[in-house]
């Protein structure tokens, strides 16, 4: 979104620590206390038994909506993750000088929805082969990303990635470029109020994702 406002060639190179924006020590804006759709808290600590997963599918507006509609999801929030600059603003992330991806925090009850089912939503609702872009959205902030918080999530993430990549390559797609890894050490910086549950607040707002049209096979 709004990628035309910035130089696309510069946005497709990952920023180095030397060139990254300095950021700030504290969050520069307030985050809503509750989810506009689910009525649950956006920030933890969350109830015992819930798990968290962080996913990047390109523009986080449409990505978040795909997850808050899943039964068993307790809350979702959008933010910036996987970069260098602390407490960035949206405008800073859009310069490609923070290194962050537009990610979605998904907090869920594993007794009600499986990690596999959430990853099925993840893989099938974007094109994980496009590198630093999703469709018309160009830049490192739109990269495909998947960060886990438990060993089980890590195992399922890698298994689904391998399974889906076989399907994609067989259909002529490039190999998957998704950034996979543990969420530990990758702070999730909540995005501004107007980004949270954006497509609930603006039902006909921008929602662009480059889907492959291919299903994730069962494990």
N, C-alpha and C. Protein backbone atom coordinates (compact mmCIF):
# COMPACT_ATOMS: atom_id res chain seq x y z
N UNK A 1 0.83 -1.19 0.00
CA UNK A 1 0.00 0.00 0.00
C UNK A 1 0.87 1.24 0.00
N UNK A 2 0.46 2.22 -0.79
CA UNK A 2 1.18 3.48 -0.91
C UNK A 2 2.61 3.30 -1.40
N UNK A 3 2.94 2.14 -2.00
CA UNK A 3 4.32 1.91 -2.39
C UNK A 3 4.78 2.87 -3.47
N UNK A 4 3.86 3.46 -4.22
CA UNK A 4 4.24 4.39 -5.26
C UNK A 4 4.83 5.67 -4.70
N UNK A 5 4.66 5.92 -3.40
CA UNK A 5 5.18 7.13 -2.78
C UNK A 5 6.68 7.06 -2.59
N UNK A 6 7.27 5.88 -2.76
CA UNK A 6 8.68 5.70 -2.45
C UNK A 6 9.39 5.04 -3.62
N UNK A 7 10.70 5.19 -3.67
CA UNK A 7 11.52 4.61 -4.73
C UNK A 7 11.51 3.09 -4.61
N UNK A 8 10.94 2.41 -5.59
CA UNK A 8 10.77 0.96 -5.49
C UNK A 8 12.10 0.22 -5.56
N UNK A 9 13.09 0.75 -6.28
CA UNK A 9 14.37 0.05 -6.38
C UNK A 9 15.08 0.03 -5.03
N UNK A 10 15.00 1.15 -4.29
CA UNK A 10 15.62 1.20 -2.97
C UNK A 10 14.89 0.31 -1.98
N UNK A 11 13.59 0.12 -2.20
CA UNK A 11 12.79 -0.66 -1.26
C UNK A 11 13.02 -2.16 -1.37
N UNK A 12 13.68 -2.60 -2.42
CA UNK A 12 13.90 -4.03 -2.59
C UNK A 12 15.30 -4.47 -2.15
N UNK A 13 15.96 -3.61 -1.38
CA UNK A 13 17.25 -3.97 -0.80
C UNK A 13 17.12 -3.89 0.72
N UNK A 14 17.50 -4.95 1.41
CA UNK A 14 17.41 -4.95 2.86
C UNK A 14 18.40 -3.95 3.45
N UNK A 15 17.93 -3.13 4.35
CA UNK A 15 18.75 -2.09 4.95
C UNK A 15 19.83 -2.70 5.85
N UNK A 16 20.95 -2.04 5.93
CA UNK A 16 22.02 -2.47 6.82
C UNK A 16 21.91 -1.70 8.14
N UNK A 17 22.50 -2.22 9.21
CA UNK A 17 22.47 -1.49 10.48
C UNK A 17 23.03 -0.07 10.37
N UNK A 18 24.02 0.11 9.51
CA UNK A 18 24.62 1.44 9.34
C UNK A 18 23.63 2.43 8.74
N UNK A 19 22.79 1.94 7.83
CA UNK A 19 21.86 2.82 7.11
C UNK A 19 20.47 2.89 7.72
N UNK A 20 20.21 2.06 8.74
CA UNK A 20 18.87 2.02 9.34
C UNK A 20 18.55 3.31 10.09
N UNK A 21 17.28 3.66 10.11
CA UNK A 21 16.83 4.82 10.88
C UNK A 21 17.02 4.55 12.38
N UNK A 22 17.26 5.59 13.17
CA UNK A 22 17.58 5.37 14.58
C UNK A 22 16.40 4.96 15.44
N UNK A 23 15.19 5.36 15.04
CA UNK A 23 14.02 5.02 15.85
C UNK A 23 14.00 5.78 17.15
N UNK A 24 13.41 5.14 18.20
CA UNK A 24 13.23 5.82 19.47
C UNK A 24 13.09 4.80 20.59
N UNK A 25 13.22 5.25 21.80
CA UNK A 25 13.22 4.34 22.94
C UNK A 25 11.83 3.88 23.34
N UNK A 26 10.82 4.65 23.03
CA UNK A 26 9.45 4.31 23.41
C UNK A 26 8.51 4.44 22.23
N UNK A 27 7.37 3.81 22.34
CA UNK A 27 6.35 3.86 21.28
C UNK A 27 5.85 5.29 21.10
N UNK A 28 5.79 5.77 19.85
CA UNK A 28 5.41 7.18 19.62
C UNK A 28 3.90 7.43 19.52
N UNK A 29 3.09 6.41 19.79
CA UNK A 29 1.64 6.57 19.67
C UNK A 29 0.96 5.55 20.57
N UNK A 30 -0.33 5.74 20.80
CA UNK A 30 -1.10 4.83 21.64
C UNK A 30 -1.68 3.69 20.79
N UNK A 31 -1.85 2.53 21.41
CA UNK A 31 -2.47 1.38 20.75
C UNK A 31 -3.81 1.11 21.43
N UNK A 32 -4.86 0.80 20.67
CA UNK A 32 -6.17 0.53 21.28
C UNK A 32 -6.08 -0.60 22.31
N UNK A 33 -6.89 -0.48 23.35
CA UNK A 33 -6.87 -1.51 24.40
C UNK A 33 -7.52 -2.80 23.93
N UNK A 34 -8.54 -2.69 23.07
CA UNK A 34 -9.28 -3.89 22.66
C UNK A 34 -9.42 -3.98 21.15
N UNK A 35 -9.61 -5.20 20.70
CA UNK A 35 -9.81 -5.52 19.29
C UNK A 35 -11.17 -5.00 18.83
N UNK A 36 -11.20 -4.28 17.71
CA UNK A 36 -12.44 -3.67 17.24
C UNK A 36 -13.48 -4.69 16.82
N UNK A 37 -13.07 -5.89 16.49
CA UNK A 37 -14.00 -6.94 16.05
C UNK A 37 -14.26 -7.95 17.17
N UNK A 38 -13.20 -8.44 17.79
CA UNK A 38 -13.30 -9.54 18.76
C UNK A 38 -13.53 -9.06 20.19
N UNK A 39 -13.21 -7.80 20.46
CA UNK A 39 -13.41 -7.28 21.80
C UNK A 39 -12.39 -7.76 22.82
N UNK A 40 -11.31 -8.37 22.37
CA UNK A 40 -10.28 -8.91 23.24
C UNK A 40 -9.08 -7.95 23.27
N UNK A 41 -8.20 -8.09 24.27
CA UNK A 41 -7.04 -7.20 24.33
C UNK A 41 -6.10 -7.40 23.15
N UNK A 42 -5.50 -6.30 22.70
CA UNK A 42 -4.50 -6.39 21.64
C UNK A 42 -3.13 -6.73 22.19
N UNK A 43 -2.88 -6.36 23.44
CA UNK A 43 -1.58 -6.60 24.05
C UNK A 43 -1.71 -7.55 25.24
N UNK A 44 -0.66 -8.35 25.44
CA UNK A 44 -0.65 -9.27 26.56
C UNK A 44 -0.34 -8.58 27.86
N UNK A 45 -0.26 -9.39 28.92
CA UNK A 45 -0.26 -10.86 28.91
C UNK A 45 -1.63 -11.44 28.57
N UNK A 46 -1.61 -12.53 27.80
CA UNK A 46 -2.83 -13.18 27.37
C UNK A 46 -3.15 -14.34 28.30
N UNK A 47 -4.39 -14.83 28.29
CA UNK A 47 -4.77 -15.94 29.18
C UNK A 47 -3.90 -17.18 28.99
N UNK A 48 -3.75 -17.93 30.05
CA UNK A 48 -2.97 -19.17 30.00
C UNK A 48 -3.56 -20.13 28.97
N UNK A 49 -2.70 -20.86 28.30
CA UNK A 49 -3.13 -21.86 27.33
C UNK A 49 -3.17 -21.36 25.91
N UNK A 50 -3.09 -20.04 25.71
CA UNK A 50 -3.10 -19.49 24.36
C UNK A 50 -1.68 -19.46 23.80
N UNK A 51 -1.59 -19.51 22.48
CA UNK A 51 -0.29 -19.45 21.81
C UNK A 51 -0.27 -18.28 20.83
N UNK A 52 0.92 -17.81 20.53
CA UNK A 52 1.10 -16.68 19.61
C UNK A 52 1.92 -17.11 18.41
N UNK A 53 1.55 -16.57 17.27
CA UNK A 53 2.24 -16.82 16.01
C UNK A 53 2.31 -15.49 15.27
N UNK A 54 3.42 -15.24 14.58
CA UNK A 54 3.58 -13.98 13.85
C UNK A 54 3.73 -14.29 12.37
N UNK A 55 2.91 -13.65 11.53
CA UNK A 55 2.91 -13.95 10.11
C UNK A 55 2.93 -12.67 9.28
N UNK A 56 3.64 -12.73 8.16
CA UNK A 56 3.67 -11.63 7.21
C UNK A 56 3.23 -12.11 5.85
N UNK A 57 2.17 -11.49 5.33
CA UNK A 57 1.61 -11.89 4.04
C UNK A 57 1.57 -10.73 3.06
N UNK A 58 2.43 -9.76 3.24
CA UNK A 58 2.33 -8.54 2.45
C UNK A 58 1.60 -7.49 3.26
N UNK A 59 0.79 -6.67 2.60
CA UNK A 59 0.03 -5.63 3.27
C UNK A 59 -0.74 -6.20 4.46
N UNK A 60 -0.51 -5.66 5.65
CA UNK A 60 -1.09 -6.29 6.84
C UNK A 60 -2.57 -6.00 7.04
N UNK A 61 -3.14 -5.08 6.27
CA UNK A 61 -4.58 -4.81 6.40
C UNK A 61 -5.41 -6.05 6.07
N UNK A 62 -5.22 -6.58 4.86
CA UNK A 62 -5.97 -7.75 4.45
C UNK A 62 -5.54 -9.01 5.17
N UNK A 63 -4.25 -9.08 5.49
CA UNK A 63 -3.75 -10.26 6.19
C UNK A 63 -4.42 -10.43 7.55
N UNK A 64 -4.55 -9.33 8.29
CA UNK A 64 -5.16 -9.44 9.62
C UNK A 64 -6.60 -9.94 9.53
N UNK A 65 -7.35 -9.42 8.58
CA UNK A 65 -8.75 -9.81 8.45
C UNK A 65 -8.90 -11.31 8.22
N UNK A 66 -7.99 -11.91 7.48
CA UNK A 66 -8.07 -13.33 7.20
C UNK A 66 -7.94 -14.18 8.46
N UNK A 67 -7.27 -13.63 9.46
CA UNK A 67 -7.06 -14.40 10.70
C UNK A 67 -8.10 -14.10 11.78
N UNK A 68 -8.60 -12.87 11.87
CA UNK A 68 -9.60 -12.62 12.92
C UNK A 68 -10.90 -13.35 12.65
N UNK A 69 -11.08 -13.80 11.40
CA UNK A 69 -12.31 -14.54 11.06
C UNK A 69 -12.23 -16.02 11.39
N UNK A 70 -11.05 -16.50 11.80
CA UNK A 70 -10.88 -17.93 12.06
C UNK A 70 -11.37 -18.27 13.47
N UNK A 71 -12.33 -19.19 13.62
CA UNK A 71 -12.77 -19.60 14.95
C UNK A 71 -11.61 -20.16 15.77
N UNK A 72 -11.52 -19.77 17.01
CA UNK A 72 -10.42 -20.20 17.86
C UNK A 72 -9.32 -19.17 17.99
N UNK A 73 -9.35 -18.14 17.13
CA UNK A 73 -8.40 -17.03 17.26
C UNK A 73 -8.91 -16.08 18.33
N UNK A 74 -8.07 -15.81 19.31
CA UNK A 74 -8.45 -14.96 20.45
C UNK A 74 -8.31 -13.47 20.12
N UNK A 75 -7.20 -13.12 19.49
CA UNK A 75 -7.01 -11.73 19.08
C UNK A 75 -6.00 -11.67 17.96
N UNK A 76 -6.00 -10.55 17.25
CA UNK A 76 -5.00 -10.27 16.22
C UNK A 76 -4.58 -8.81 16.35
N UNK A 77 -3.42 -8.51 15.85
CA UNK A 77 -2.94 -7.12 15.81
C UNK A 77 -1.91 -7.02 14.70
N UNK A 78 -1.76 -5.82 14.15
CA UNK A 78 -0.77 -5.60 13.10
C UNK A 78 0.39 -4.79 13.66
N UNK A 79 1.57 -5.05 13.11
CA UNK A 79 2.75 -4.34 13.58
C UNK A 79 3.94 -4.56 12.68
N UNK A 80 5.07 -4.14 13.18
CA UNK A 80 6.32 -4.17 12.43
C UNK A 80 7.30 -5.08 13.15
N UNK A 81 7.93 -5.99 12.39
CA UNK A 81 8.76 -7.01 13.02
C UNK A 81 9.87 -7.45 12.07
N UNK A 82 10.95 -7.94 12.64
CA UNK A 82 12.03 -8.51 11.84
C UNK A 82 13.02 -7.50 11.32
N UNK A 83 12.99 -6.28 11.87
CA UNK A 83 13.88 -5.24 11.38
C UNK A 83 14.88 -4.78 12.42
N UNK A 84 15.34 -3.55 12.25
CA UNK A 84 16.42 -3.00 13.06
C UNK A 84 15.95 -1.82 13.91
N UNK A 85 15.20 -0.91 13.32
CA UNK A 85 14.81 0.33 13.99
C UNK A 85 13.84 0.08 15.13
N UNK A 86 14.14 0.54 16.35
CA UNK A 86 13.19 0.35 17.45
C UNK A 86 12.03 1.34 17.39
N UNK A 87 10.83 0.82 17.69
CA UNK A 87 9.62 1.64 17.75
C UNK A 87 9.42 2.52 16.52
N UNK A 88 9.38 1.90 15.33
CA UNK A 88 9.24 2.70 14.11
C UNK A 88 7.80 3.18 13.90
N UNK A 89 7.67 4.19 13.08
CA UNK A 89 6.36 4.62 12.61
C UNK A 89 6.10 3.99 11.24
N UNK A 90 4.85 4.06 10.80
CA UNK A 90 4.52 3.50 9.49
C UNK A 90 5.30 4.22 8.38
N UNK A 91 5.38 5.53 8.49
CA UNK A 91 6.09 6.29 7.48
C UNK A 91 7.55 5.87 7.40
N UNK A 92 8.16 5.58 8.54
CA UNK A 92 9.55 5.13 8.55
C UNK A 92 9.69 3.74 7.93
N UNK A 93 8.77 2.84 8.26
CA UNK A 93 8.81 1.50 7.67
C UNK A 93 8.70 1.57 6.15
N UNK A 94 7.90 2.48 5.66
CA UNK A 94 7.69 2.61 4.21
C UNK A 94 8.91 3.11 3.47
N UNK A 95 9.89 3.66 4.16
CA UNK A 95 11.12 4.09 3.49
C UNK A 95 12.06 2.92 3.23
N UNK A 96 11.76 1.75 3.80
CA UNK A 96 12.62 0.56 3.71
C UNK A 96 13.92 0.76 4.47
N UNK A 97 13.96 1.70 5.39
CA UNK A 97 15.17 1.94 6.18
C UNK A 97 15.00 1.52 7.64
N UNK A 98 14.03 0.66 7.89
CA UNK A 98 13.90 0.08 9.23
C UNK A 98 14.11 -1.44 9.20
N UNK A 99 13.91 -2.05 8.03
CA UNK A 99 14.10 -3.49 7.87
C UNK A 99 12.92 -4.34 8.30
N UNK A 100 11.83 -3.70 8.72
CA UNK A 100 10.71 -4.46 9.25
C UNK A 100 9.78 -4.99 8.15
N UNK A 101 9.13 -6.11 8.46
CA UNK A 101 8.02 -6.62 7.65
C UNK A 101 6.71 -6.19 8.30
N UNK A 102 5.69 -6.04 7.49
CA UNK A 102 4.34 -5.79 8.01
C UNK A 102 3.78 -7.12 8.47
N UNK A 103 3.74 -7.34 9.77
CA UNK A 103 3.36 -8.64 10.31
C UNK A 103 2.06 -8.57 11.09
N UNK A 104 1.48 -9.74 11.28
CA UNK A 104 0.25 -9.88 12.06
C UNK A 104 0.53 -10.81 13.24
N UNK A 105 0.19 -10.35 14.43
CA UNK A 105 0.21 -11.20 15.61
C UNK A 105 -1.10 -11.97 15.66
N UNK A 106 -1.02 -13.29 15.75
CA UNK A 106 -2.20 -14.15 15.85
C UNK A 106 -2.11 -14.90 17.18
N UNK A 107 -3.03 -14.61 18.08
CA UNK A 107 -3.09 -15.29 19.37
C UNK A 107 -4.28 -16.24 19.32
N UNK A 108 -4.05 -17.51 19.61
CA UNK A 108 -5.10 -18.51 19.38
C UNK A 108 -5.12 -19.57 20.47
N UNK A 109 -6.25 -20.25 20.53
CA UNK A 109 -6.43 -21.36 21.46
C UNK A 109 -6.18 -22.66 20.71
N UNK A 110 -5.07 -23.36 20.97
CA UNK A 110 -4.77 -24.58 20.22
C UNK A 110 -5.76 -25.71 20.47
N UNK A 111 -6.63 -25.56 21.48
CA UNK A 111 -7.69 -26.54 21.70
C UNK A 111 -8.85 -26.32 20.74
N UNK A 112 -8.91 -25.15 20.11
CA UNK A 112 -10.01 -24.82 19.20
C UNK A 112 -9.59 -24.74 17.74
N UNK A 113 -8.34 -24.37 17.49
CA UNK A 113 -7.85 -24.29 16.12
C UNK A 113 -6.40 -24.75 16.12
N UNK A 114 -6.04 -25.57 15.15
CA UNK A 114 -4.69 -26.11 15.10
C UNK A 114 -3.72 -25.14 14.44
N UNK A 115 -2.47 -25.31 14.77
CA UNK A 115 -1.43 -24.51 14.11
C UNK A 115 -1.43 -24.79 12.62
N UNK A 116 -1.65 -26.05 12.25
CA UNK A 116 -1.72 -26.38 10.82
C UNK A 116 -2.80 -25.57 10.11
N UNK A 117 -3.98 -25.47 10.72
CA UNK A 117 -5.08 -24.75 10.08
C UNK A 117 -4.76 -23.27 9.92
N UNK A 118 -4.06 -22.70 10.89
CA UNK A 118 -3.66 -21.30 10.76
C UNK A 118 -2.61 -21.13 9.67
N UNK A 119 -1.69 -22.09 9.57
CA UNK A 119 -0.68 -22.01 8.53
C UNK A 119 -1.26 -22.27 7.15
N UNK A 120 -2.34 -23.01 7.11
CA UNK A 120 -3.05 -23.18 5.84
C UNK A 120 -3.59 -21.83 5.36
N UNK A 121 -4.14 -21.05 6.28
CA UNK A 121 -4.58 -19.69 5.94
C UNK A 121 -3.39 -18.87 5.47
N UNK A 122 -2.29 -18.98 6.19
CA UNK A 122 -1.08 -18.23 5.85
C UNK A 122 -0.60 -18.54 4.44
N UNK A 123 -0.32 -19.81 4.16
CA UNK A 123 0.28 -20.16 2.87
C UNK A 123 -0.65 -19.89 1.70
N UNK A 124 -1.95 -20.12 1.88
CA UNK A 124 -2.88 -20.04 0.76
C UNK A 124 -3.36 -18.62 0.47
N UNK A 125 -3.04 -17.67 1.33
CA UNK A 125 -3.56 -16.31 1.14
C UNK A 125 -2.50 -15.30 0.74
N UNK A 126 -1.39 -15.79 0.20
CA UNK A 126 -0.42 -14.90 -0.43
C UNK A 126 0.47 -15.76 -1.32
N UNK A 127 1.36 -15.12 -2.04
CA UNK A 127 2.31 -15.85 -2.88
C UNK A 127 3.67 -15.80 -2.19
N UNK A 128 4.09 -16.90 -1.54
CA UNK A 128 5.32 -16.88 -0.76
C UNK A 128 6.59 -17.03 -1.59
N UNK A 129 6.47 -16.85 -2.91
CA UNK A 129 7.64 -17.00 -3.78
C UNK A 129 8.14 -15.66 -4.34
N UNK A 130 7.54 -14.55 -3.93
CA UNK A 130 7.80 -13.28 -4.62
C UNK A 130 8.91 -12.43 -4.02
N UNK A 131 9.56 -12.89 -2.97
CA UNK A 131 10.65 -12.11 -2.41
C UNK A 131 10.16 -10.84 -1.74
N UNK A 132 10.75 -9.73 -2.10
CA UNK A 132 10.42 -8.46 -1.45
C UNK A 132 9.25 -7.76 -2.14
N UNK A 133 8.14 -8.47 -2.22
CA UNK A 133 6.94 -7.87 -2.82
C UNK A 133 5.76 -8.80 -2.59
N UNK A 134 4.55 -8.26 -2.77
CA UNK A 134 3.34 -9.04 -2.91
C UNK A 134 2.49 -8.33 -3.94
N UNK A 135 2.40 -8.91 -5.14
CA UNK A 135 1.62 -8.29 -6.19
C UNK A 135 2.14 -6.90 -6.51
N UNK A 136 1.26 -5.89 -6.43
CA UNK A 136 1.64 -4.52 -6.75
C UNK A 136 2.40 -3.83 -5.63
N UNK A 137 2.45 -4.43 -4.47
CA UNK A 137 3.15 -3.84 -3.33
C UNK A 137 4.61 -4.29 -3.36
N UNK A 138 5.53 -3.34 -3.53
CA UNK A 138 6.93 -3.65 -3.70
C UNK A 138 7.73 -3.12 -2.52
N UNK A 139 8.58 -3.96 -1.95
CA UNK A 139 9.45 -3.51 -0.87
C UNK A 139 9.68 -4.58 0.17
N UNK A 140 10.73 -4.41 0.94
CA UNK A 140 11.08 -5.40 1.96
C UNK A 140 9.99 -5.53 3.02
N UNK A 141 9.21 -4.50 3.24
CA UNK A 141 8.16 -4.57 4.26
C UNK A 141 7.05 -5.54 3.88
N UNK A 142 6.96 -5.90 2.59
CA UNK A 142 5.91 -6.80 2.11
C UNK A 142 6.38 -8.24 1.97
N UNK A 143 7.54 -8.55 2.50
CA UNK A 143 8.06 -9.90 2.34
C UNK A 143 7.22 -10.92 3.14
N UNK A 144 7.24 -12.14 2.67
CA UNK A 144 6.58 -13.24 3.37
C UNK A 144 7.43 -13.61 4.58
N UNK A 145 6.78 -13.71 5.75
CA UNK A 145 7.51 -14.01 6.98
C UNK A 145 6.67 -14.86 7.90
N UNK A 146 7.33 -15.74 8.64
CA UNK A 146 6.65 -16.63 9.58
C UNK A 146 7.56 -16.87 10.77
N UNK A 147 7.15 -16.36 11.93
CA UNK A 147 7.94 -16.47 13.14
C UNK A 147 7.15 -17.23 14.20
N UNK A 148 7.76 -18.25 14.78
CA UNK A 148 7.07 -19.11 15.73
C UNK A 148 7.50 -18.83 17.16
N UNK A 149 6.71 -19.38 18.11
CA UNK A 149 7.00 -19.17 19.53
C UNK A 149 7.09 -20.48 20.31
N UNK A 150 6.85 -21.62 19.65
CA UNK A 150 6.94 -22.92 20.32
C UNK A 150 7.65 -23.92 19.41
N UNK A 151 8.24 -24.97 19.97
CA UNK A 151 8.87 -26.00 19.15
C UNK A 151 7.87 -26.68 18.20
N UNK A 152 6.64 -26.87 18.66
CA UNK A 152 5.64 -27.51 17.79
C UNK A 152 5.35 -26.63 16.59
N UNK A 153 5.21 -25.34 16.81
CA UNK A 153 4.99 -24.42 15.70
C UNK A 153 6.14 -24.47 14.71
N UNK A 154 7.37 -24.53 15.23
CA UNK A 154 8.54 -24.58 14.36
C UNK A 154 8.51 -25.82 13.47
N UNK A 155 8.15 -26.95 14.06
CA UNK A 155 8.09 -28.21 13.31
C UNK A 155 7.03 -28.14 12.22
N UNK A 156 5.86 -27.63 12.57
CA UNK A 156 4.76 -27.56 11.59
C UNK A 156 5.05 -26.52 10.53
N UNK A 157 5.67 -25.41 10.91
CA UNK A 157 6.02 -24.38 9.94
C UNK A 157 6.96 -24.94 8.87
N UNK A 158 7.98 -25.65 9.29
CA UNK A 158 8.93 -26.20 8.33
C UNK A 158 8.29 -27.29 7.48
N UNK A 159 7.46 -28.12 8.10
CA UNK A 159 6.80 -29.20 7.36
C UNK A 159 5.84 -28.65 6.32
N UNK A 160 5.07 -27.64 6.68
CA UNK A 160 4.12 -27.06 5.72
C UNK A 160 4.85 -26.30 4.62
N UNK A 161 5.94 -25.65 4.99
CA UNK A 161 6.74 -24.95 3.97
C UNK A 161 7.25 -25.95 2.93
N UNK A 162 7.81 -27.06 3.39
CA UNK A 162 8.36 -28.06 2.48
C UNK A 162 7.26 -28.66 1.60
N UNK A 163 6.11 -28.93 2.22
CA UNK A 163 5.00 -29.53 1.47
C UNK A 163 4.45 -28.57 0.42
N UNK A 164 4.30 -27.31 0.82
CA UNK A 164 3.72 -26.33 -0.10
C UNK A 164 4.69 -25.99 -1.22
N UNK A 165 5.97 -25.96 -0.91
CA UNK A 165 6.96 -25.66 -1.93
C UNK A 165 6.95 -26.71 -3.03
N UNK A 166 6.78 -27.97 -2.66
CA UNK A 166 6.70 -29.02 -3.68
C UNK A 166 5.52 -28.79 -4.62
N UNK A 167 4.39 -28.40 -4.05
CA UNK A 167 3.21 -28.11 -4.87
C UNK A 167 3.46 -26.94 -5.79
N UNK A 168 4.06 -25.87 -5.26
CA UNK A 168 4.30 -24.66 -6.05
C UNK A 168 5.28 -24.92 -7.19
N UNK A 169 6.39 -25.56 -6.88
CA UNK A 169 7.41 -25.80 -7.90
C UNK A 169 6.86 -26.71 -9.00
N UNK A 170 6.04 -27.67 -8.61
CA UNK A 170 5.44 -28.57 -9.60
C UNK A 170 4.53 -27.82 -10.57
N UNK A 171 3.99 -26.69 -10.12
CA UNK A 171 3.10 -25.88 -10.95
C UNK A 171 3.82 -24.72 -11.63
N UNK A 172 5.16 -24.71 -11.55
CA UNK A 172 5.93 -23.71 -12.26
C UNK A 172 6.31 -22.47 -11.47
N UNK A 173 6.01 -22.43 -10.18
CA UNK A 173 6.40 -21.30 -9.35
C UNK A 173 7.87 -21.44 -8.94
N UNK A 174 8.45 -20.33 -8.53
CA UNK A 174 9.79 -20.36 -7.97
C UNK A 174 9.75 -20.95 -6.57
N UNK A 175 10.90 -21.31 -6.00
CA UNK A 175 10.92 -21.79 -4.62
C UNK A 175 10.43 -20.71 -3.64
N UNK A 176 10.01 -21.14 -2.48
CA UNK A 176 9.49 -20.24 -1.46
C UNK A 176 10.61 -19.35 -0.91
N UNK A 177 10.30 -18.07 -0.73
CA UNK A 177 11.26 -17.10 -0.19
C UNK A 177 10.91 -16.66 1.22
N UNK A 178 9.93 -17.28 1.83
CA UNK A 178 9.45 -16.90 3.16
C UNK A 178 10.59 -16.90 4.19
N UNK A 179 10.61 -15.86 5.00
CA UNK A 179 11.56 -15.76 6.11
C UNK A 179 11.00 -16.52 7.30
N UNK A 180 11.59 -17.65 7.64
CA UNK A 180 11.13 -18.48 8.74
C UNK A 180 12.12 -18.44 9.89
N UNK A 181 11.59 -18.41 11.11
CA UNK A 181 12.48 -18.45 12.26
C UNK A 181 11.72 -18.20 13.55
N UNK A 182 12.43 -18.29 14.68
CA UNK A 182 11.78 -18.03 15.97
C UNK A 182 11.50 -16.55 16.16
N UNK A 183 10.40 -16.26 16.86
CA UNK A 183 10.05 -14.87 17.16
C UNK A 183 10.94 -14.28 18.25
N UNK A 184 11.56 -15.14 19.03
CA UNK A 184 12.43 -14.67 20.10
C UNK A 184 13.54 -13.79 19.53
N UNK A 185 13.71 -12.62 20.11
CA UNK A 185 14.73 -11.70 19.63
C UNK A 185 14.27 -10.81 18.51
N UNK A 186 13.01 -10.95 18.09
CA UNK A 186 12.44 -10.11 17.03
C UNK A 186 11.25 -9.35 17.61
N UNK A 187 11.47 -8.22 18.22
CA UNK A 187 10.37 -7.48 18.85
C UNK A 187 9.25 -7.17 17.84
N UNK A 188 8.03 -7.28 18.33
CA UNK A 188 6.86 -6.93 17.53
C UNK A 188 6.42 -5.54 17.97
N UNK A 189 6.57 -4.56 17.09
CA UNK A 189 6.17 -3.19 17.39
C UNK A 189 4.78 -2.93 16.84
N UNK A 190 3.82 -2.73 17.71
CA UNK A 190 2.45 -2.51 17.28
C UNK A 190 2.36 -1.30 16.35
N UNK A 191 1.54 -1.44 15.31
CA UNK A 191 1.32 -0.34 14.38
C UNK A 191 0.30 0.65 14.96
N UNK A 192 0.18 1.77 14.30
CA UNK A 192 -0.69 2.84 14.73
C UNK A 192 -2.16 2.40 14.80
N UNK A 193 -2.93 3.11 15.58
CA UNK A 193 -4.35 2.81 15.82
C UNK A 193 -5.10 2.59 14.52
N UNK A 194 -4.91 3.47 13.54
CA UNK A 194 -5.73 3.38 12.32
C UNK A 194 -5.43 2.15 11.49
N UNK A 195 -4.29 1.50 11.72
CA UNK A 195 -3.99 0.26 11.01
C UNK A 195 -4.65 -0.95 11.65
N UNK A 196 -4.92 -0.89 12.94
CA UNK A 196 -5.49 -2.05 13.64
C UNK A 196 -6.92 -2.32 13.16
N UNK A 197 -7.16 -3.55 12.68
CA UNK A 197 -8.47 -3.95 12.17
C UNK A 197 -8.97 -2.98 11.10
N UNK A 198 -8.07 -2.58 10.23
CA UNK A 198 -8.35 -1.55 9.25
C UNK A 198 -9.55 -1.88 8.37
N UNK A 199 -9.63 -3.13 7.90
CA UNK A 199 -10.71 -3.46 6.97
C UNK A 199 -12.06 -3.65 7.66
N UNK A 200 -12.07 -3.65 8.98
CA UNK A 200 -13.34 -3.55 9.71
C UNK A 200 -13.77 -2.08 9.79
N UNK A 201 -12.82 -1.22 10.01
CA UNK A 201 -13.10 0.21 10.10
C UNK A 201 -13.38 0.82 8.72
N UNK A 202 -12.71 0.28 7.70
CA UNK A 202 -12.87 0.76 6.32
C UNK A 202 -13.18 -0.46 5.46
N UNK A 203 -14.44 -0.90 5.43
CA UNK A 203 -14.79 -2.19 4.79
C UNK A 203 -14.37 -2.31 3.33
N UNK A 204 -14.32 -1.19 2.62
CA UNK A 204 -13.95 -1.26 1.20
C UNK A 204 -12.53 -0.72 0.98
N UNK A 205 -11.72 -0.80 2.00
CA UNK A 205 -10.35 -0.33 1.90
C UNK A 205 -9.46 -1.26 1.10
N UNK A 206 -8.22 -0.86 0.96
CA UNK A 206 -7.24 -1.57 0.13
C UNK A 206 -6.99 -2.98 0.69
N UNK A 207 -7.09 -3.97 -0.18
CA UNK A 207 -6.87 -5.36 0.22
C UNK A 207 -6.28 -6.11 -0.97
N UNK A 208 -4.96 -6.02 -1.11
CA UNK A 208 -4.30 -6.64 -2.26
C UNK A 208 -3.39 -7.78 -1.82
N UNK A 209 -3.63 -8.97 -2.34
CA UNK A 209 -2.74 -10.10 -2.06
C UNK A 209 -2.60 -10.94 -3.33
N UNK A 210 -1.40 -11.39 -3.58
CA UNK A 210 -1.11 -12.17 -4.77
C UNK A 210 -1.20 -13.66 -4.44
N UNK A 211 -2.37 -14.21 -4.48
CA UNK A 211 -2.56 -15.61 -4.12
C UNK A 211 -2.14 -16.53 -5.27
N UNK A 212 -1.67 -17.72 -4.92
CA UNK A 212 -1.27 -18.68 -5.94
C UNK A 212 -2.44 -19.51 -6.45
N UNK A 213 -3.50 -19.60 -5.66
CA UNK A 213 -4.64 -20.43 -6.03
C UNK A 213 -4.43 -21.90 -5.75
N UNK A 214 -3.34 -22.26 -5.08
CA UNK A 214 -3.02 -23.65 -4.79
C UNK A 214 -3.22 -23.95 -3.31
N UNK A 215 -3.68 -25.16 -3.03
CA UNK A 215 -3.98 -25.55 -1.66
C UNK A 215 -2.77 -26.18 -0.98
N UNK A 216 -2.69 -25.96 0.32
CA UNK A 216 -1.67 -26.64 1.13
C UNK A 216 -2.11 -28.09 1.33
N UNK A 217 -1.26 -29.05 0.99
CA UNK A 217 -1.67 -30.46 1.19
C UNK A 217 -1.68 -30.82 2.66
N UNK A 218 -2.47 -31.80 3.06
CA UNK A 218 -2.46 -32.24 4.46
C UNK A 218 -1.12 -32.86 4.82
N UNK A 219 -0.78 -32.78 6.07
CA UNK A 219 0.46 -33.38 6.54
C UNK A 219 0.20 -34.82 6.98
